[in-house]
PDB file of N, CA and C in Angstrom:
ATOM      1  N   ALA A   1     -77.940  24.947 -19.642  1.00  0.00           N
ATOM      2  CA  ALA A   1     -76.890  25.864 -20.089  1.00  0.00           C
ATOM      3  C   ALA A   1     -75.540  25.526 -19.335  1.00  0.00           C
ATOM      4  N   GLY A   2     -74.459  25.618 -20.014  1.00  0.00           N
ATOM      5  CA  GLY A   2     -73.176  25.438 -19.387  1.00  0.00           C
ATOM      6  C   GLY A   2     -72.568  26.673 -18.694  1.00  0.00           C
ATOM      7  N   ALA A   3     -71.610  26.495 -17.993  1.00  0.00           N
ATOM      8  CA  ALA A   3     -70.839  27.599 -17.279  1.00  0.00           C
ATOM      9  C   ALA A   3     -69.487  27.781 -17.876  1.00  0.00           C
ATOM     10  N   ALA A   4     -69.186  29.031 -17.922  1.00  0.00           N
ATOM     11  CA  ALA A   4     -67.846  29.340 -18.450  1.00  0.00           C
ATOM     12  C   ALA A   4     -66.767  29.351 -17.216  1.00  0.00           C
ATOM     13  N   ALA A   5     -65.520  29.141 -17.616  1.00  0.00           N
ATOM     14  CA  ALA A   5     -64.435  29.212 -16.605  1.00  0.00           C
ATOM     15  C   ALA A   5     -64.403  30.583 -15.959  1.00  0.00           C
ATOM     16  N   GLN A   6     -64.435  30.577 -14.634  1.00  0.00           N
ATOM     17  CA  GLN A   6     -64.427  31.838 -13.799  1.00  0.00           C
ATOM     18  C   GLN A   6     -63.094  32.048 -13.241  1.00  0.00           C
ATOM     19  N   HIS A   7     -62.471  33.192 -13.458  1.00  0.00           N
ATOM     20  CA  HIS A   7     -61.106  33.511 -12.915  1.00  0.00           C
ATOM     21  C   HIS A   7     -61.109  33.495 -11.451  1.00  0.00           C
ATOM     22  N   SER A   8     -62.150  33.899 -10.789  1.00  0.00           N
ATOM     23  CA  SER A   8     -62.175  33.994  -9.281  1.00  0.00           C
ATOM     24  C   SER A   8     -62.207  32.580  -8.686  1.00  0.00           C
ATOM     25  N   GLN A   9     -62.509  31.606  -9.408  1.00  0.00           N
ATOM     26  CA  GLN A   9     -62.646  30.169  -8.858  1.00  0.00           C
ATOM     27  C   GLN A   9     -61.405  29.341  -9.131  1.00  0.00           C
ATOM     28  N   THR A  10     -60.281  29.973  -9.558  1.00  0.00           N
ATOM     29  CA  THR A  10     -59.148  29.136  -9.953  1.00  0.00           C
ATOM     30  C   THR A  10     -58.034  29.505  -9.072  1.00  0.00           C
ATOM     31  N   LEU A  11     -56.960  28.587  -9.147  1.00  0.00           N
ATOM     32  CA  LEU A  11     -55.749  28.761  -8.362  1.00  0.00           C
ATOM     33  C   LEU A  11     -54.746  29.614  -9.103  1.00  0.00           C
ATOM     34  N   TYR A  12     -54.857  29.731 -10.471  1.00  0.00           N
ATOM     35  CA  TYR A  12     -53.771  30.477 -11.129  1.00  0.00           C
ATOM     36  C   TYR A  12     -53.844  31.972 -10.790  1.00  0.00           C
ATOM     37  N   ASN A  13     -54.859  32.476 -10.426  1.00  0.00           N
ATOM     38  CA  ASN A  13     -54.905  33.822 -10.026  1.00  0.00           C
ATOM     39  C   ASN A  13     -54.022  34.123  -8.792  1.00  0.00           C
ATOM     40  N   ILE A  14     -53.839  33.162  -7.943  1.00  0.00           N
ATOM     41  CA  ILE A  14     -52.935  33.153  -6.709  1.00  0.00           C
ATOM     42  C   ILE A  14     -51.500  33.267  -7.290  1.00  0.00           C
ATOM     43  N   PHE A  15     -51.089  32.332  -8.194  1.00  0.00           N
ATOM     44  CA  PHE A  15     -49.731  32.418  -8.762  1.00  0.00           C
ATOM     45  C   PHE A  15     -49.488  33.650  -9.433  1.00  0.00           C
ATOM     46  N   ALA A  16     -50.430  34.192 -10.176  1.00  0.00           N
ATOM     47  CA  ALA A  16     -50.263  35.418 -10.988  1.00  0.00           C
ATOM     48  C   ALA A  16     -49.844  36.597 -10.078  1.00  0.00           C
ATOM     49  N   SER A  17     -50.163  36.485  -8.796  1.00  0.00           N
ATOM     50  CA  SER A  17     -49.831  37.727  -7.933  1.00  0.00           C
ATOM     51  C   SER A  17     -48.422  37.538  -7.323  1.00  0.00           C
ATOM     52  N   ILE A  18     -47.734  36.528  -7.586  1.00  0.00           N
ATOM     53  CA  ILE A  18     -46.283  36.294  -7.158  1.00  0.00           C
ATOM     54  C   ILE A  18     -45.347  36.835  -8.125  1.00  0.00           C
ATOM     55  N   PRO A  19     -44.448  37.881  -7.738  1.00  0.00           N
ATOM     56  CA  PRO A  19     -43.431  38.466  -8.584  1.00  0.00           C
ATOM     57  C   PRO A  19     -42.589  37.347  -9.158  1.00  0.00           C
ATOM     58  N   GLY A  20     -42.312  37.473 -10.484  1.00  0.00           N
ATOM     59  CA  GLY A  20     -41.339  36.610 -11.155  1.00  0.00           C
ATOM     60  C   GLY A  20     -41.952  35.354 -11.676  1.00  0.00           C
ATOM     61  N   VAL A  21     -43.249  35.070 -11.377  1.00  0.00           N
ATOM     62  CA  VAL A  21     -43.833  33.788 -11.814  1.00  0.00           C
ATOM     63  C   VAL A  21     -44.713  34.185 -12.984  1.00  0.00           C
ATOM     64  N   LYS A  22     -44.455  33.439 -14.099  1.00  0.00           N
ATOM     65  CA  LYS A  22     -45.328  33.531 -15.280  1.00  0.00           C
ATOM     66  C   LYS A  22     -46.519  32.466 -15.243  1.00  0.00           C
ATOM     67  N   VAL A  23     -47.668  32.958 -15.623  1.00  0.00           N
ATOM     68  CA  VAL A  23     -48.798  32.090 -15.560  1.00  0.00           C
ATOM     69  C   VAL A  23     -49.379  31.908 -17.010  1.00  0.00           C
ATOM     70  N   VAL A  24     -49.542  30.693 -17.520  1.00  0.00           N
ATOM     71  CA  VAL A  24     -50.079  30.365 -18.810  1.00  0.00           C
ATOM     72  C   VAL A  24     -51.389  29.629 -18.635  1.00  0.00           C
ATOM     73  N   VAL A  25     -52.463  30.094 -19.240  1.00  0.00           N
ATOM     74  CA  VAL A  25     -53.718  29.463 -19.220  1.00  0.00           C
ATOM     75  C   VAL A  25     -54.178  29.321 -20.641  1.00  0.00           C
ATOM     76  N   ARG A  26     -54.239  28.047 -21.106  1.00  0.00           N
ATOM     77  CA  ARG A  26     -54.561  27.894 -22.511  1.00  0.00           C
ATOM     78  C   ARG A  26     -56.029  28.107 -22.729  1.00  0.00           C
ATOM     79  N   SER A  27     -56.360  28.475 -23.973  1.00  0.00           N
ATOM     80  CA  SER A  27     -57.799  28.672 -24.370  1.00  0.00           C
ATOM     81  C   SER A  27     -58.206  27.731 -25.517  1.00  0.00           C
ATOM     82  N   ASN A  28     -57.239  27.038 -26.139  1.00  0.00           N
ATOM     83  CA  ASN A  28     -57.541  26.123 -27.277  1.00  0.00           C
ATOM     84  C   ASN A  28     -56.342  25.143 -27.337  1.00  0.00           C
ATOM     85  N   PRO A  29     -56.542  24.012 -28.105  1.00  0.00           N
ATOM     86  CA  PRO A  29     -55.541  23.079 -28.193  1.00  0.00           C
ATOM     87  C   PRO A  29     -54.165  23.583 -28.865  1.00  0.00           C
ATOM     88  N   TYR A  30     -54.278  24.453 -29.847  1.00  0.00           N
ATOM     89  CA  TYR A  30     -53.138  24.998 -30.524  1.00  0.00           C
ATOM     90  C   TYR A  30     -52.235  25.671 -29.519  1.00  0.00           C
ATOM     91  N   ASP A  31     -52.876  26.654 -28.733  1.00  0.00           N
ATOM     92  CA  ASP A  31     -52.134  27.391 -27.753  1.00  0.00           C
ATOM     93  C   ASP A  31     -51.608  26.453 -26.597  1.00  0.00           C
ATOM     94  N   ALA A  32     -52.368  25.441 -26.246  1.00  0.00           N
ATOM     95  CA  ALA A  32     -51.860  24.491 -25.235  1.00  0.00           C
ATOM     96  C   ALA A  32     -50.570  23.911 -25.591  1.00  0.00           C
ATOM     97  N   LYS A  33     -50.420  23.401 -26.789  1.00  0.00           N
ATOM     98  CA  LYS A  33     -49.127  22.727 -27.213  1.00  0.00           C
ATOM     99  C   LYS A  33     -47.980  23.846 -27.228  1.00  0.00           C
ATOM    100  N   GLY A  34     -48.321  24.967 -27.952  1.00  0.00           N
ATOM    101  CA  GLY A  34     -47.239  25.932 -28.100  1.00  0.00           C
ATOM    102  C   GLY A  34     -46.731  26.499 -26.797  1.00  0.00           C
ATOM    103  N   TRP A  35     -47.656  26.831 -25.885  1.00  0.00           N
ATOM    104  CA  TRP A  35     -47.388  27.441 -24.603  1.00  0.00           C
ATOM    105  C   TRP A  35     -46.721  26.455 -23.636  1.00  0.00           C
ATOM    106  N   LEU A  36     -47.137  25.227 -23.750  1.00  0.00           N
ATOM    107  CA  LEU A  36     -46.518  24.137 -22.819  1.00  0.00           C
ATOM    108  C   LEU A  36     -45.095  23.970 -23.245  1.00  0.00           C
ATOM    109  N   LEU A  37     -44.795  23.911 -24.534  1.00  0.00           N
ATOM    110  CA  LEU A  37     -43.395  23.731 -25.020  1.00  0.00           C
ATOM    111  C   LEU A  37     -42.644  25.014 -24.576  1.00  0.00           C
ATOM    112  N   ALA A  38     -43.185  26.137 -24.758  1.00  0.00           N
ATOM    113  CA  ALA A  38     -42.534  27.410 -24.382  1.00  0.00           C
ATOM    114  C   ALA A  38     -42.241  27.432 -22.844  1.00  0.00           C
ATOM    115  N   ALA A  39     -43.169  26.923 -22.042  1.00  0.00           N
ATOM    116  CA  ALA A  39     -42.987  26.904 -20.643  1.00  0.00           C
ATOM    117  C   ALA A  39     -41.786  25.922 -20.194  1.00  0.00           C
ATOM    118  N   ILE A  40     -41.672  24.799 -20.934  1.00  0.00           N
ATOM    119  CA  ILE A  40     -40.678  23.870 -20.655  1.00  0.00           C
ATOM    120  C   ILE A  40     -39.300  24.492 -20.979  1.00  0.00           C
ATOM    121  N   GLU A  41     -39.231  25.261 -22.009  1.00  0.00           N
ATOM    122  CA  GLU A  41     -37.976  25.985 -22.512  1.00  0.00           C
ATOM    123  C   GLU A  41     -37.626  27.286 -21.690  1.00  0.00           C
ATOM    124  N   ASP A  42     -38.600  27.769 -21.024  1.00  0.00           N
ATOM    125  CA  ASP A  42     -38.316  28.975 -20.224  1.00  0.00           C
ATOM    126  C   ASP A  42     -37.407  28.751 -19.032  1.00  0.00           C
ATOM    127  N   ASP A  43     -36.477  29.613 -18.763  1.00  0.00           N
ATOM    128  CA  ASP A  43     -35.603  29.501 -17.620  1.00  0.00           C
ATOM    129  C   ASP A  43     -36.261  29.978 -16.335  1.00  0.00           C
ATOM    130  N   ASN A  44     -37.435  30.649 -16.480  1.00  0.00           N
ATOM    131  CA  ASN A  44     -38.051  31.153 -15.230  1.00  0.00           C
ATOM    132  C   ASN A  44     -39.183  30.159 -14.848  1.00  0.00           C
ATOM    133  N   LEU A  45     -39.789  30.424 -13.661  1.00  0.00           N
ATOM    134  CA  LEU A  45     -40.802  29.576 -13.176  1.00  0.00           C
ATOM    135  C   LEU A  45     -42.106  29.891 -13.920  1.00  0.00           C
ATOM    136  N   VAL A  46     -42.694  28.921 -14.605  1.00  0.00           N
ATOM    137  CA  VAL A  46     -43.901  29.071 -15.289  1.00  0.00           C
ATOM    138  C   VAL A  46     -44.976  28.071 -14.752  1.00  0.00           C
ATOM    139  N   VAL A  47     -46.137  28.608 -14.469  1.00  0.00           N
ATOM    140  CA  VAL A  47     -47.244  27.767 -14.069  1.00  0.00           C
ATOM    141  C   VAL A  47     -48.077  27.618 -15.260  1.00  0.00           C
ATOM    142  N   PHE A  48     -48.302  26.302 -15.713  1.00  0.00           N
ATOM    143  CA  PHE A  48     -49.260  25.982 -16.769  1.00  0.00           C
ATOM    144  C   PHE A  48     -50.542  25.481 -16.218  1.00  0.00           C
ATOM    145  N   SER A  49     -51.597  26.153 -16.539  1.00  0.00           N
ATOM    146  CA  SER A  49     -52.895  25.779 -15.934  1.00  0.00           C
ATOM    147  C   SER A  49     -53.889  25.522 -17.027  1.00  0.00           C
ATOM    148  N   GLU A  50     -54.692  24.433 -16.743  1.00  0.00           N
ATOM    149  CA  GLU A  50     -55.835  24.174 -17.625  1.00  0.00           C
ATOM    150  C   GLU A  50     -57.058  24.158 -16.809  1.00  0.00           C
ATOM    151  N   ASP A  51     -58.118  24.762 -17.347  1.00  0.00           N
ATOM    152  CA  ASP A  51     -59.494  24.632 -16.704  1.00  0.00           C
ATOM    153  C   ASP A  51     -60.103  23.407 -17.129  1.00  0.00           C
ATOM    154  N   LYS A  52     -60.709  22.703 -16.197  1.00  0.00           N
ATOM    155  CA  LYS A  52     -61.304  21.364 -16.459  1.00  0.00           C
ATOM    156  C   LYS A  52     -62.458  21.441 -17.503  1.00  0.00           C
ATOM    157  N   THR A  53     -63.035  22.676 -17.635  1.00  0.00           N
ATOM    158  CA  THR A  53     -64.075  22.813 -18.629  1.00  0.00           C
ATOM    159  C   THR A  53     -63.569  22.829 -20.079  1.00  0.00           C
ATOM    160  N   LEU A  54     -62.275  23.041 -20.175  1.00  0.00           N
ATOM    161  CA  LEU A  54     -61.688  23.031 -21.595  1.00  0.00           C
ATOM    162  C   LEU A  54     -61.012  21.722 -22.019  1.00  0.00           C
ATOM    163  N   LEU A  55     -60.860  20.753 -21.048  1.00  0.00           N
ATOM    164  CA  LEU A  55     -60.150  19.560 -21.342  1.00  0.00           C
ATOM    165  C   LEU A  55     -60.710  18.763 -22.503  1.00  0.00           C
ATOM    166  N   ARG A  56     -61.873  18.813 -22.834  1.00  0.00           N
ATOM    167  CA  ARG A  56     -62.450  18.022 -23.927  1.00  0.00           C
ATOM    168  C   ARG A  56     -62.442  18.739 -25.226  1.00  0.00           C
ATOM    169  N   MET A  57     -62.019  19.982 -25.231  1.00  0.00           N
ATOM    170  CA  MET A  57     -61.979  20.747 -26.499  1.00  0.00           C
ATOM    171  C   MET A  57     -61.035  20.170 -27.587  1.00  0.00           C
ATOM    172  N   LYS A  58     -61.558  20.158 -28.721  1.00  0.00           N
ATOM    173  CA  LYS A  58     -60.728  19.623 -29.899  1.00  0.00           C
ATOM    174  C   LYS A  58     -60.414  20.692 -30.855  1.00  0.00           C
ATOM    175  N   GLY A  59     -59.265  20.487 -31.468  1.00  0.00           N
ATOM    176  CA  GLY A  59     -58.847  21.578 -32.528  1.00  0.00           C
ATOM    177  C   GLY A  59     -57.661  21.088 -33.223  1.00  0.00           C
ATOM    178  N   GLU A  60     -57.297  21.745 -34.285  1.00  0.00           N
ATOM    179  CA  GLU A  60     -56.081  21.552 -35.064  1.00  0.00           C
ATOM    180  C   GLU A  60     -54.839  21.850 -34.350  1.00  0.00           C
ATOM    181  N   VAL A  61     -53.924  20.906 -34.344  1.00  0.00           N
ATOM    182  CA  VAL A  61     -52.539  21.178 -33.745  1.00  0.00           C
ATOM    183  C   VAL A  61     -51.506  20.593 -34.665  1.00  0.00           C
ATOM    184  N   PRO A  62     -50.537  21.411 -35.121  1.00  0.00           N
ATOM    185  CA  PRO A  62     -49.545  20.775 -36.016  1.00  0.00           C
ATOM    186  C   PRO A  62     -48.736  19.809 -35.345  1.00  0.00           C
ATOM    187  N   GLU A  63     -48.149  18.793 -36.088  1.00  0.00           N
ATOM    188  CA  GLU A  63     -47.327  17.746 -35.547  1.00  0.00           C
ATOM    189  C   GLU A  63     -45.976  18.264 -35.160  1.00  0.00           C
ATOM    190  N   GLU A  64     -45.439  19.176 -35.903  1.00  0.00           N
ATOM    191  CA  GLU A  64     -44.065  19.678 -35.613  1.00  0.00           C
ATOM    192  C   GLU A  64     -44.124  20.528 -34.348  1.00  0.00           C
ATOM    193  N   ASP A  65     -42.909  20.653 -33.685  1.00  0.00           N
ATOM    194  CA  ASP A  65     -42.776  21.535 -32.462  1.00  0.00           C
ATOM    195  C   ASP A  65     -42.897  22.951 -32.927  1.00  0.00           C
ATOM    196  N   TYR A  66     -43.534  23.726 -32.071  1.00  0.00           N
ATOM    197  CA  TYR A  66     -43.585  25.161 -32.154  1.00  0.00           C
ATOM    198  C   TYR A  66     -43.849  25.703 -30.794  1.00  0.00           C
ATOM    199  N   THR A  67     -43.454  26.948 -30.522  1.00  0.00           N
ATOM    200  CA  THR A  67     -43.712  27.477 -29.206  1.00  0.00           C
ATOM    201  C   THR A  67     -44.521  28.700 -29.319  1.00  0.00           C
ATOM    202  N   GLY A  68     -45.310  29.086 -28.370  1.00  0.00           N
ATOM    203  CA  GLY A  68     -46.042  30.241 -28.252  1.00  0.00           C
ATOM    204  C   GLY A  68     -45.136  31.257 -27.644  1.00  0.00           C
ATOM    205  N   GLU A  69     -45.468  32.439 -27.662  1.00  0.00           N
ATOM    206  CA  GLU A  69     -44.606  33.529 -27.075  1.00  0.00           C
ATOM    207  C   GLU A  69     -45.259  33.984 -25.756  1.00  0.00           C
ATOM    208  N   ILE A  70     -44.774  33.447 -24.700  1.00  0.00           N
ATOM    209  CA  ILE A  70     -45.377  33.869 -23.372  1.00  0.00           C
ATOM    210  C   ILE A  70     -45.284  35.293 -23.232  1.00  0.00           C
ATOM    211  N   GLY A  71     -46.341  36.027 -22.749  1.00  0.00           N
ATOM    212  CA  GLY A  71     -46.389  37.390 -22.616  1.00  0.00           C
ATOM    213  C   GLY A  71     -46.949  38.117 -23.910  1.00  0.00           C
ATOM    214  N   LYS A  72     -47.181  37.389 -24.958  1.00  0.00           N
ATOM    215  CA  LYS A  72     -47.779  37.919 -26.167  1.00  0.00           C
ATOM    216  C   LYS A  72     -49.070  37.133 -26.441  1.00  0.00           C
ATOM    217  N   GLU A  73     -49.986  37.315 -25.455  1.00  0.00           N
ATOM    218  CA  GLU A  73     -51.221  36.476 -25.495  1.00  0.00           C
ATOM    219  C   GLU A  73     -52.159  36.907 -26.667  1.00  0.00           C
ATOM    220  N   ARG A  74     -52.933  35.955 -27.128  1.00  0.00           N
ATOM    221  CA  ARG A  74     -54.002  36.261 -28.059  1.00  0.00           C
ATOM    222  C   ARG A  74     -55.362  36.475 -27.316  1.00  0.00           C
ATOM    223  N   VAL A  75     -55.997  37.478 -27.501  1.00  0.00           N
ATOM    224  CA  VAL A  75     -57.260  37.723 -26.834  1.00  0.00           C
ATOM    225  C   VAL A  75     -58.375  37.661 -27.834  1.00  0.00           C
TER     226      VAL A  75
END
């Protein structure tokens, strides 16, 4: 049996406690591209984090540029 990503074992929870810092954690390839582009365009400090258990995940990603809306997460 595999193990899921655990929030208590990550560094991004430390960054999330710092005022003014936005933290993005992708859950699928589509969000990874959109939120990474949004993080690059954001004028504020954004920490983009990936859990190593998700690095081999495959999924559909459009070729054109698009951005996710940081702060409007999909759950």
